[in-house]
Amino acid sequence: MRRFRAESRRVIVDMYAIERHERIGVVIGSRGRVTVAELAESLGVTSETVRRDLDLLERQGLLRRVHGGAVANTKTSLIEPTVADRVDRARGAKASIADAALALLGEGFSGSVLLDSGTTTGALAERLAGWRSADGRELIVITNSVPIAALLHLNPAIDLHLLGGTVRGVTSAAVGTTTLDQLAHLRPDIAFVGANGISAEFGLSTPDEREASVKSAMIRSARRSVALVDSTKLGDEALHRFAELRDLDTLISDQDPSGTLSAALDADEVEVIVA
């Protein structure tokens, strides 16, 4: 009888473990990342149990462990989908972020705007394609993105400047010394930049070193820097940091950052706009 009970107990434990692993997989699949603390609370187990679960799932290739939790196995520091692959991801969130970014300019804005490459900045460019100022003055738009330039070049109300450089196939963005030299001689009123990740510890980051250099130069050059980052990237980190949180003036996202990221943004006095 004792042996039967012991075996039954092991079966129950194994069943609970399988259920936990399935639930962890669901959360990772929907959100892209999880924290040990969140899982321990939602699953009703200790942090040590969650860490063992995550270690096992990582060995099985189902996720990747990071500080404080885990991320989906597709979220690594070097993975960088093409613009075509990313354009339909989080489309609703990017549209909301773009609307909030456009509202920052307002109807009476007259000056210069610097647009980074990317799909969220691309959503903002789609809205700027129909730009008309209240007093008839042109809006100066500077970009290193070939697709964004293609969107805007037919609008007579926009004075478009396309930065030169070597165009990366992955992002269709101009990068390199030519791009950096041109940015060093500019002082736009506001820069809208994208990121592959933003975290409390690492700041804003992207997988490619050359692209990181251009993003850094954009933030340095602008009078006001605004990051457009959808919620799937909150808490993420890519290989190359291009800015610390304190370098930002404003973050626009579709969700309010939480935990350590929220605290760090507050500490660095970064304005957060939830679209």
C-alpha atoms as a PDB file:
ATOM      1  CA  MET A   1       0.000   0.000   0.000  1.00  0.00           C
ATOM      2  CA  ARG A   2       2.805   2.390   0.848  1.00  0.00           C
ATOM      3  CA  ARG A   3       4.462   1.685  -2.475  1.00  0.00           C
ATOM      4  CA  PHE A   4       1.205   2.359  -4.281  1.00  0.00           C
ATOM      5  CA  ARG A   5       0.783   5.656  -2.488  1.00  0.00           C
ATOM      6  CA  ALA A   6       4.337   6.737  -3.266  1.00  0.00           C
ATOM      7  CA  GLU A   7       3.919   5.903  -6.933  1.00  0.00           C
ATOM      8  CA  SER A   8       0.568   7.674  -7.019  1.00  0.00           C
ATOM      9  CA  ARG A   9       2.169  10.737  -5.448  1.00  0.00           C
ATOM     10  CA  ARG A  10       4.877  10.771  -8.111  1.00  0.00           C
ATOM     11  CA  VAL A  11       2.254  10.513 -10.858  1.00  0.00           C
ATOM     12  CA  ILE A  12       0.350  13.458  -9.369  1.00  0.00           C
ATOM     13  CA  VAL A  13       3.535  15.524  -9.110  1.00  0.00           C
ATOM     14  CA  ASP A  14       4.420  14.687 -12.708  1.00  0.00           C
ATOM     15  CA  MET A  15       0.935  15.682 -13.818  1.00  0.00           C
ATOM     16  CA  TYR A  16       1.226  18.992 -11.992  1.00  0.00           C
ATOM     17  CA  ALA A  17       4.628  19.601 -13.603  1.00  0.00           C
ATOM     18  CA  ILE A  18       3.230  18.923 -17.070  1.00  0.00           C
ATOM     19  CA  GLU A  19       0.342  21.318 -16.403  1.00  0.00           C
ATOM     20  CA  ARG A  20       2.764  23.994 -15.174  1.00  0.00           C
ATOM     21  CA  HIS A  21       4.940  23.564 -18.250  1.00  0.00           C
ATOM     22  CA  GLU A  22       1.932  23.867 -20.532  1.00  0.00           C
ATOM     23  CA  ARG A  23       0.780  27.042 -18.784  1.00  0.00           C
ATOM     24  CA  ILE A  24       4.282  28.508 -18.950  1.00  0.00           C
ATOM     25  CA  GLY A  25       4.342  27.716 -22.670  1.00  0.00           C
ATOM     26  CA  VAL A  26       1.008  29.481 -23.191  1.00  0.00           C
ATOM     27  CA  VAL A  27       2.195  32.627 -21.395  1.00  0.00           C
ATOM     28  CA  ILE A  28       5.513  32.663 -23.268  1.00  0.00           C
ATOM     29  CA  GLY A  29       3.706  32.176 -26.571  1.00  0.00           C
ATOM     30  CA  SER A  30       1.266  35.031 -25.991  1.00  0.00           C
ATOM     31  CA  ARG A  31       3.516  37.557 -24.244  1.00  0.00           C
ATOM     32  CA  GLY A  32       7.008  36.622 -25.397  1.00  0.00           C
ATOM     33  CA  ARG A  33       8.443  36.683 -21.869  1.00  0.00           C
ATOM     34  CA  VAL A  34       7.668  35.709 -18.266  1.00  0.00           C
ATOM     35  CA  THR A  35       9.151  36.497 -14.871  1.00  0.00           C
ATOM     36  CA  VAL A  36       9.801  34.036 -12.065  1.00  0.00           C
ATOM     37  CA  ALA A  37       7.782  36.118  -9.614  1.00  0.00           C
ATOM     38  CA  GLU A  38       4.721  36.286 -11.884  1.00  0.00           C
ATOM     39  CA  LEU A  39       4.787  32.555 -12.563  1.00  0.00           C
ATOM     40  CA  ALA A  40       5.253  31.641  -8.897  1.00  0.00           C
ATOM     41  CA  GLU A  41       2.201  33.704  -7.968  1.00  0.00           C
ATOM     42  CA  SER A  42      -0.036  32.527 -10.827  1.00  0.00           C
ATOM     43  CA  LEU A  43       0.941  28.850 -10.482  1.00  0.00           C
ATOM     44  CA  GLY A  44       0.882  28.815  -6.692  1.00  0.00           C
ATOM     45  CA  VAL A  45       4.375  27.347  -6.337  1.00  0.00           C
ATOM     46  CA  THR A  46       7.708  28.556  -5.005  1.00  0.00           C
ATOM     47  CA  SER A  47      10.219  30.563  -7.031  1.00  0.00           C
ATOM     48  CA  GLU A  48      12.630  27.632  -6.778  1.00  0.00           C
ATOM     49  CA  THR A  49      10.070  25.343  -8.442  1.00  0.00           C
ATOM     50  CA  VAL A  50       9.550  27.866 -11.246  1.00  0.00           C
ATOM     51  CA  ARG A  51      13.305  28.186 -11.822  1.00  0.00           C
ATOM     52  CA  ARG A  52      13.627  24.400 -12.086  1.00  0.00           C
ATOM     53  CA  ASP A  53      10.738  24.352 -14.568  1.00  0.00           C
ATOM     54  CA  LEU A  54      12.343  27.081 -16.660  1.00  0.00           C
ATOM     55  CA  ASP A  55      15.733  25.349 -16.593  1.00  0.00           C
ATOM     56  CA  LEU A  56      14.128  22.136 -17.838  1.00  0.00           C
ATOM     57  CA  LEU A  57      12.160  23.902 -20.580  1.00  0.00           C
ATOM     58  CA  GLU A  58      15.324  25.695 -21.694  1.00  0.00           C
ATOM     59  CA  ARG A  59      17.187  22.378 -21.988  1.00  0.00           C
ATOM     60  CA  GLN A  60      14.312  21.148 -24.134  1.00  0.00           C
ATOM     61  CA  GLY A  61      14.775  24.193 -26.390  1.00  0.00           C
ATOM     62  CA  LEU A  62      11.332  25.635 -25.606  1.00  0.00           C
ATOM     63  CA  LEU A  63      12.470  28.961 -24.137  1.00  0.00           C
ATOM     64  CA  ARG A  64      15.546  30.960 -23.190  1.00  0.00           C
ATOM     65  CA  ARG A  65      16.415  31.907 -19.627  1.00  0.00           C
ATOM     66  CA  VAL A  66      17.141  35.561 -18.905  1.00  0.00           C
ATOM     67  CA  HIS A  67      17.686  37.514 -15.706  1.00  0.00           C
ATOM     68  CA  GLY A  68      14.553  37.231 -13.585  1.00  0.00           C
ATOM     69  CA  GLY A  69      12.642  34.911 -15.906  1.00  0.00           C
ATOM     70  CA  ALA A  70      12.564  33.646 -19.475  1.00  0.00           C
ATOM     71  CA  VAL A  71      11.760  34.722 -23.022  1.00  0.00           C
ATOM     72  CA  ALA A  72      10.539  32.899 -26.098  1.00  0.00           C
ATOM     73  CA  ASN A  73      13.250  31.010 -27.923  1.00  0.00           C
ATOM     74  CA  THR A  74      12.757  33.336 -30.910  1.00  0.00           C
ATOM     75  CA  LYS A  75      13.825  36.338 -28.811  1.00  0.00           C
ATOM     76  CA  THR A  76      17.610  36.324 -28.953  1.00  0.00           C
ATOM     77  CA  SER A  77      19.987  39.237 -29.063  1.00  0.00           C
ATOM     78  CA  LEU A  78      20.800  38.699 -32.744  1.00  0.00           C
ATOM     79  CA  ILE A  79      17.425  37.823 -34.266  1.00  0.00           C
ATOM     80  CA  GLU A  80      16.234  40.607 -36.542  1.00  0.00           C
ATOM     81  CA  PRO A  81      13.238  39.953 -38.802  1.00  0.00           C
ATOM     82  CA  THR A  82      13.021  41.898 -42.049  1.00  0.00           C
ATOM     83  CA  VAL A  83      10.710  44.882 -42.444  1.00  0.00           C
ATOM     84  CA  ALA A  84       8.404  42.732 -44.580  1.00  0.00           C
ATOM     85  CA  ASP A  85       8.234  40.095 -41.840  1.00  0.00           C
ATOM     86  CA  ARG A  86       7.513  42.686 -39.133  1.00  0.00           C
ATOM     87  CA  VAL A  87       4.987  44.897 -40.884  1.00  0.00           C
ATOM     88  CA  ASP A  88       1.935  42.860 -39.804  1.00  0.00           C
ATOM     89  CA  ARG A  89       3.126  42.135 -36.263  1.00  0.00           C
ATOM     90  CA  ALA A  90       1.293  44.072 -33.546  1.00  0.00           C
ATOM     91  CA  ARG A  91      -0.277  46.171 -36.289  1.00  0.00           C
ATOM     92  CA  GLY A  92      -2.982  47.558 -34.010  1.00  0.00           C
ATOM     93  CA  ALA A  93      -0.463  48.535 -31.339  1.00  0.00           C
ATOM     94  CA  LYS A  94       1.782  50.240 -33.876  1.00  0.00           C
ATOM     95  CA  ALA A  95      -1.176  52.167 -35.292  1.00  0.00           C
ATOM     96  CA  SER A  96      -2.092  53.433 -31.825  1.00  0.00           C
ATOM     97  CA  ILE A  97       1.513  54.428 -31.138  1.00  0.00           C
ATOM     98  CA  ALA A  98       1.718  56.241 -34.471  1.00  0.00           C
ATOM     99  CA  ASP A  99      -1.492  58.168 -33.698  1.00  0.00           C
ATOM    100  CA  ALA A 100      -0.054  59.265 -30.347  1.00  0.00           C
ATOM    101  CA  ALA A 101       3.212  60.285 -32.002  1.00  0.00           C
ATOM    102  CA  LEU A 102       1.369  62.342 -34.599  1.00  0.00           C
ATOM    103  CA  ALA A 103      -0.580  64.058 -31.809  1.00  0.00           C
ATOM    104  CA  LEU A 104       2.740  65.236 -30.344  1.00  0.00           C
ATOM    105  CA  LEU A 105       3.281  67.325 -33.462  1.00  0.00           C
ATOM    106  CA  GLY A 106      -0.150  68.906 -33.406  1.00  0.00           C
ATOM    107  CA  GLU A 107      -1.739  70.945 -36.176  1.00  0.00           C
ATOM    108  CA  GLY A 108       0.420  73.997 -35.552  1.00  0.00           C
ATOM    109  CA  PHE A 109       3.782  72.229 -35.601  1.00  0.00           C
ATOM    110  CA  SER A 110       6.352  73.745 -37.910  1.00  0.00           C
ATOM    111  CA  GLY A 111       9.890  72.500 -37.855  1.00  0.00           C
ATOM    112  CA  SER A 112      11.920  69.416 -38.577  1.00  0.00           C
ATOM    113  CA  VAL A 113      11.240  65.765 -37.814  1.00  0.00           C
ATOM    114  CA  LEU A 114      13.777  62.938 -37.920  1.00  0.00           C
ATOM    115  CA  LEU A 115      12.317  59.484 -38.597  1.00  0.00           C
ATOM    116  CA  ASP A 116      14.267  56.327 -37.820  1.00  0.00           C
ATOM    117  CA  SER A 117      13.740  53.218 -39.921  1.00  0.00           C
ATOM    118  CA  GLY A 118      11.294  50.567 -38.744  1.00  0.00           C
ATOM    119  CA  THR A 119       7.676  49.482 -38.941  1.00  0.00           C
ATOM    120  CA  THR A 120       6.390  51.597 -36.043  1.00  0.00           C
ATOM    121  CA  THR A 121       8.053  54.731 -37.388  1.00  0.00           C
ATOM    122  CA  GLY A 122       6.728  53.557 -40.753  1.00  0.00           C
ATOM    123  CA  ALA A 123       3.192  53.663 -39.337  1.00  0.00           C
ATOM    124  CA  LEU A 124       3.846  57.267 -38.315  1.00  0.00           C
ATOM    125  CA  ALA A 125       5.126  57.987 -41.837  1.00  0.00           C
ATOM    126  CA  GLU A 126       1.859  56.633 -43.264  1.00  0.00           C
ATOM    127  CA  ARG A 127       0.037  59.309 -41.298  1.00  0.00           C
ATOM    128  CA  LEU A 128       2.499  62.007 -42.301  1.00  0.00           C
ATOM    129  CA  ALA A 129       1.908  61.114 -45.953  1.00  0.00           C
ATOM    130  CA  GLY A 130      -1.277  63.164 -45.725  1.00  0.00           C
ATOM    131  CA  TRP A 131       0.272  66.004 -43.713  1.00  0.00           C
ATOM    132  CA  ARG A 132      -1.026  69.508 -44.259  1.00  0.00           C
ATOM    133  CA  SER A 133      -0.010  72.384 -41.996  1.00  0.00           C
ATOM    134  CA  ALA A 134      -2.495  74.950 -40.760  1.00  0.00           C
ATOM    135  CA  ASP A 135      -0.515  77.865 -42.221  1.00  0.00           C
ATOM    136  CA  GLY A 136       0.657  76.153 -45.401  1.00  0.00           C
ATOM    137  CA  ARG A 137       4.287  75.834 -44.360  1.00  0.00           C
ATOM    138  CA  GLU A 138       6.292  72.751 -45.314  1.00  0.00           C
ATOM    139  CA  LEU A 139       7.219  70.105 -42.779  1.00  0.00           C
ATOM    140  CA  ILE A 140      10.873  69.067 -42.962  1.00  0.00           C
ATOM    141  CA  VAL A 141      11.239  65.303 -42.621  1.00  0.00           C
ATOM    142  CA  ILE A 142      14.645  63.618 -42.473  1.00  0.00           C
ATOM    143  CA  THR A 143      14.950  59.843 -42.618  1.00  0.00           C
ATOM    144  CA  ASN A 144      17.413  57.045 -43.266  1.00  0.00           C
ATOM    145  CA  SER A 145      14.627  54.691 -44.366  1.00  0.00           C
ATOM    146  CA  VAL A 146      14.068  53.986 -48.041  1.00  0.00           C
ATOM    147  CA  PRO A 147      10.459  52.750 -47.526  1.00  0.00           C
ATOM    148  CA  ILE A 148       9.587  55.824 -45.461  1.00  0.00           C
ATOM    149  CA  ALA A 149      11.073  58.110 -48.115  1.00  0.00           C
ATOM    150  CA  ALA A 150       8.970  56.308 -50.726  1.00  0.00           C
ATOM    151  CA  LEU A 151       5.852  56.997 -48.657  1.00  0.00           C
ATOM    152  CA  LEU A 152       6.514  60.696 -48.225  1.00  0.00           C
ATOM    153  CA  HIS A 153       8.181  61.934 -51.386  1.00  0.00           C
ATOM    154  CA  LEU A 154       4.937  62.682 -53.247  1.00  0.00           C
ATOM    155  CA  ASN A 155       3.540  65.005 -50.563  1.00  0.00           C
ATOM    156  CA  PRO A 156       4.231  68.622 -51.615  1.00  0.00           C
ATOM    157  CA  ALA A 157       3.715  69.759 -48.010  1.00  0.00           C
ATOM    158  CA  ILE A 158       6.803  67.806 -46.941  1.00  0.00           C
ATOM    159  CA  ASP A 159      10.387  68.867 -47.574  1.00  0.00           C
ATOM    160  CA  LEU A 160      11.949  65.399 -47.584  1.00  0.00           C
ATOM    161  CA  HIS A 161      15.621  64.676 -46.888  1.00  0.00           C
ATOM    162  CA  LEU A 162      16.897  61.123 -47.362  1.00  0.00           C
ATOM    163  CA  LEU A 163      20.151  60.390 -45.547  1.00  0.00           C
ATOM    164  CA  GLY A 164      22.832  58.665 -47.577  1.00  0.00           C
ATOM    165  CA  GLY A 165      24.844  55.599 -46.696  1.00  0.00           C
ATOM    166  CA  THR A 166      24.934  51.866 -47.207  1.00  0.00           C
ATOM    167  CA  VAL A 167      21.413  50.447 -47.295  1.00  0.00           C
ATOM    168  CA  ARG A 168      20.899  47.336 -45.148  1.00  0.00           C
ATOM    169  CA  GLY A 169      18.730  44.725 -46.808  1.00  0.00           C
ATOM    170  CA  VAL A 170      17.103  43.623 -43.536  1.00  0.00           C
ATOM    171  CA  THR A 171      15.749  47.027 -42.553  1.00  0.00           C
ATOM    172  CA  SER A 172      16.104  49.043 -45.781  1.00  0.00           C
ATOM    173  CA  ALA A 173      17.916  51.645 -43.680  1.00  0.00           C
ATOM    174  CA  ALA A 174      20.966  53.724 -44.578  1.00  0.00           C
ATOM    175  CA  VAL A 175      23.855  53.102 -42.180  1.00  0.00           C
ATOM    176  CA  GLY A 176      27.589  53.710 -42.028  1.00  0.00           C
ATOM    177  CA  THR A 177      29.987  56.642 -41.862  1.00  0.00           C
ATOM    178  CA  THR A 178      28.158  58.713 -44.483  1.00  0.00           C
ATOM    179  CA  THR A 179      24.924  58.504 -42.492  1.00  0.00           C
ATOM    180  CA  LEU A 180      26.700  59.351 -39.245  1.00  0.00           C
ATOM    181  CA  ASP A 181      28.534  62.311 -40.807  1.00  0.00           C
ATOM    182  CA  GLN A 182      25.267  63.793 -42.063  1.00  0.00           C
ATOM    183  CA  LEU A 183      23.557  63.359 -38.701  1.00  0.00           C
ATOM    184  CA  ALA A 184      26.456  65.088 -36.949  1.00  0.00           C
ATOM    185  CA  HIS A 185      25.601  68.265 -38.889  1.00  0.00           C
ATOM    186  CA  LEU A 186      21.871  68.232 -38.090  1.00  0.00           C
ATOM    187  CA  ARG A 187      19.765  69.484 -35.160  1.00  0.00           C
ATOM    188  CA  PRO A 188      16.171  68.385 -35.844  1.00  0.00           C
ATOM    189  CA  ASP A 189      13.415  69.485 -33.491  1.00  0.00           C
ATOM    190  CA  ILE A 190      12.202  65.983 -32.731  1.00  0.00           C
ATOM    191  CA  ALA A 191      13.460  62.478 -33.489  1.00  0.00           C
ATOM    192  CA  PHE A 192      11.210  59.421 -33.520  1.00  0.00           C
ATOM    193  CA  VAL A 193      13.285  56.269 -33.069  1.00  0.00           C
ATOM    194  CA  GLY A 194      12.446  52.594 -32.876  1.00  0.00           C
ATOM    195  CA  ALA A 195      14.051  49.838 -30.817  1.00  0.00           C
ATOM    196  CA  ASN A 196      14.136  46.056 -30.666  1.00  0.00           C
ATOM    197  CA  GLY A 197      14.183  46.143 -26.892  1.00  0.00           C
ATOM    198  CA  ILE A 198      14.014  48.482 -23.915  1.00  0.00           C
ATOM    199  CA  SER A 199      14.889  47.453 -20.376  1.00  0.00           C
ATOM    200  CA  ALA A 200      15.721  49.022 -17.036  1.00  0.00           C
ATOM    201  CA  GLU A 201      19.232  47.605 -16.952  1.00  0.00           C
ATOM    202  CA  PHE A 202      20.307  47.908 -20.590  1.00  0.00           C
ATOM    203  CA  GLY A 203      18.300  50.800 -21.978  1.00  0.00           C
ATOM    204  CA  LEU A 204      17.369  50.763 -25.677  1.00  0.00           C
ATOM    205  CA  SER A 205      18.953  48.182 -27.934  1.00  0.00           C
ATOM    206  CA  THR A 206      18.996  46.674 -31.421  1.00  0.00           C
ATOM    207  CA  PRO A 207      20.746  43.628 -32.963  1.00  0.00           C
ATOM    208  CA  ASP A 208      22.956  45.381 -35.537  1.00  0.00           C
ATOM    209  CA  GLU A 209      25.993  47.460 -34.536  1.00  0.00           C
ATOM    210  CA  ARG A 210      25.818  49.846 -37.496  1.00  0.00           C
ATOM    211  CA  GLU A 211      22.138  50.475 -36.973  1.00  0.00           C
ATOM    212  CA  ALA A 212      22.777  51.064 -33.278  1.00  0.00           C
ATOM    213  CA  SER A 213      25.352  53.737 -34.162  1.00  0.00           C
ATOM    214  CA  VAL A 214      22.838  55.540 -36.378  1.00  0.00           C
ATOM    215  CA  LYS A 215      20.118  55.416 -33.722  1.00  0.00           C
ATOM    216  CA  SER A 216      22.558  56.822 -31.153  1.00  0.00           C
ATOM    217  CA  ALA A 217      23.477  59.640 -33.526  1.00  0.00           C
ATOM    218  CA  MET A 218      19.800  60.425 -34.093  1.00  0.00           C
ATOM    219  CA  ILE A 219      19.134  60.758 -30.382  1.00  0.00           C
ATOM    220  CA  ARG A 220      22.235  62.922 -29.875  1.00  0.00           C
ATOM    221  CA  SER A 221      21.311  65.220 -32.745  1.00  0.00           C
ATOM    222  CA  ALA A 222      17.678  65.908 -31.843  1.00  0.00           C
ATOM    223  CA  ARG A 223      16.351  68.550 -29.501  1.00  0.00           C
ATOM    224  CA  ARG A 224      13.744  66.044 -28.331  1.00  0.00           C
ATOM    225  CA  SER A 225      13.983  62.260 -28.638  1.00  0.00           C
ATOM    226  CA  VAL A 226      10.902  60.041 -28.656  1.00  0.00           C
ATOM    227  CA  ALA A 227      11.053  56.232 -28.694  1.00  0.00           C
ATOM    228  CA  LEU A 228       8.198  54.358 -30.367  1.00  0.00           C
ATOM    229  CA  VAL A 229       8.217  50.861 -28.847  1.00  0.00           C
ATOM    230  CA  ASP A 230       5.326  48.395 -28.809  1.00  0.00           C
ATOM    231  CA  SER A 231       4.675  46.345 -25.685  1.00  0.00           C
ATOM    232  CA  THR A 232       6.175  43.117 -27.046  1.00  0.00           C
ATOM    233  CA  LYS A 233       9.602  44.766 -26.706  1.00  0.00           C
ATOM    234  CA  LEU A 234       9.210  46.125 -23.186  1.00  0.00           C
ATOM    235  CA  GLY A 235      11.795  44.428 -20.987  1.00  0.00           C
ATOM    236  CA  ASP A 236      13.652  42.918 -23.955  1.00  0.00           C
ATOM    237  CA  GLU A 237      17.330  43.344 -24.748  1.00  0.00           C
ATOM    238  CA  ALA A 238      19.113  43.016 -28.096  1.00  0.00           C
ATOM    239  CA  LEU A 239      22.877  42.808 -28.592  1.00  0.00           C
ATOM    240  CA  HIS A 240      23.822  46.479 -29.017  1.00  0.00           C
ATOM    241  CA  ARG A 241      22.707  49.268 -26.712  1.00  0.00           C
ATOM    242  CA  PHE A 242      22.251  52.577 -28.509  1.00  0.00           C
ATOM    243  CA  ALA A 243      20.851  54.720 -25.688  1.00  0.00           C
ATOM    244  CA  GLU A 244      20.315  54.737 -21.965  1.00  0.00           C
ATOM    245  CA  LEU A 245      16.878  55.559 -20.607  1.00  0.00           C
ATOM    246  CA  ARG A 246      18.071  58.959 -19.443  1.00  0.00           C
ATOM    247  CA  ASP A 247      18.865  59.854 -23.074  1.00  0.00           C
ATOM    248  CA  LEU A 248      15.141  59.741 -23.881  1.00  0.00           C
ATOM    249  CA  ASP A 249      12.610  62.492 -23.434  1.00  0.00           C
ATOM    250  CA  THR A 250       9.517  60.424 -24.195  1.00  0.00           C
ATOM    251  CA  LEU A 251       8.489  56.793 -24.608  1.00  0.00           C
ATOM    252  CA  ILE A 252       5.291  55.950 -26.474  1.00  0.00           C
ATOM    253  CA  SER A 253       3.976  52.395 -26.136  1.00  0.00           C
ATOM    254  CA  ASP A 254       0.635  50.617 -26.298  1.00  0.00           C
ATOM    255  CA  GLN A 255       0.961  49.399 -22.701  1.00  0.00           C
ATOM    256  CA  ASP A 256       2.160  51.031 -19.514  1.00  0.00           C
ATOM    257  CA  PRO A 257       5.610  49.638 -18.589  1.00  0.00           C
ATOM    258  CA  SER A 258       5.647  47.768 -15.297  1.00  0.00           C
ATOM    259  CA  GLY A 259       8.068  46.613 -12.630  1.00  0.00           C
ATOM    260  CA  THR A 260      11.701  47.671 -12.793  1.00  0.00           C
ATOM    261  CA  LEU A 261      11.312  49.289 -16.216  1.00  0.00           C
ATOM    262  CA  SER A 262       8.546  51.553 -14.952  1.00  0.00           C
ATOM    263  CA  ALA A 263      10.619  52.517 -11.922  1.00  0.00           C
ATOM    264  CA  ALA A 264      13.694  53.207 -14.034  1.00  0.00           C
ATOM    265  CA  LEU A 265      11.747  55.395 -16.464  1.00  0.00           C
ATOM    266  CA  ASP A 266      10.368  57.377 -13.535  1.00  0.00           C
ATOM    267  CA  ALA A 267      13.827  57.746 -12.009  1.00  0.00           C
ATOM    268  CA  ASP A 268      15.221  59.082 -15.287  1.00  0.00           C
ATOM    269  CA  GLU A 269      12.221  61.401 -15.717  1.00  0.00           C
ATOM    270  CA  VAL A 270      11.190  59.895 -19.062  1.00  0.00           C
ATOM    271  CA  GLU A 271       7.691  60.904 -20.078  1.00  0.00           C
ATOM    272  CA  VAL A 272       5.596  57.814 -20.820  1.00  0.00           C
ATOM    273  CA  ILE A 273       2.620  58.056 -23.160  1.00  0.00           C
ATOM    274  CA  VAL A 274       0.321  55.023 -23.340  1.00  0.00           C
ATOM    275  CA  ALA A 275      -1.360  54.957 -26.734  1.00  0.00           C
END
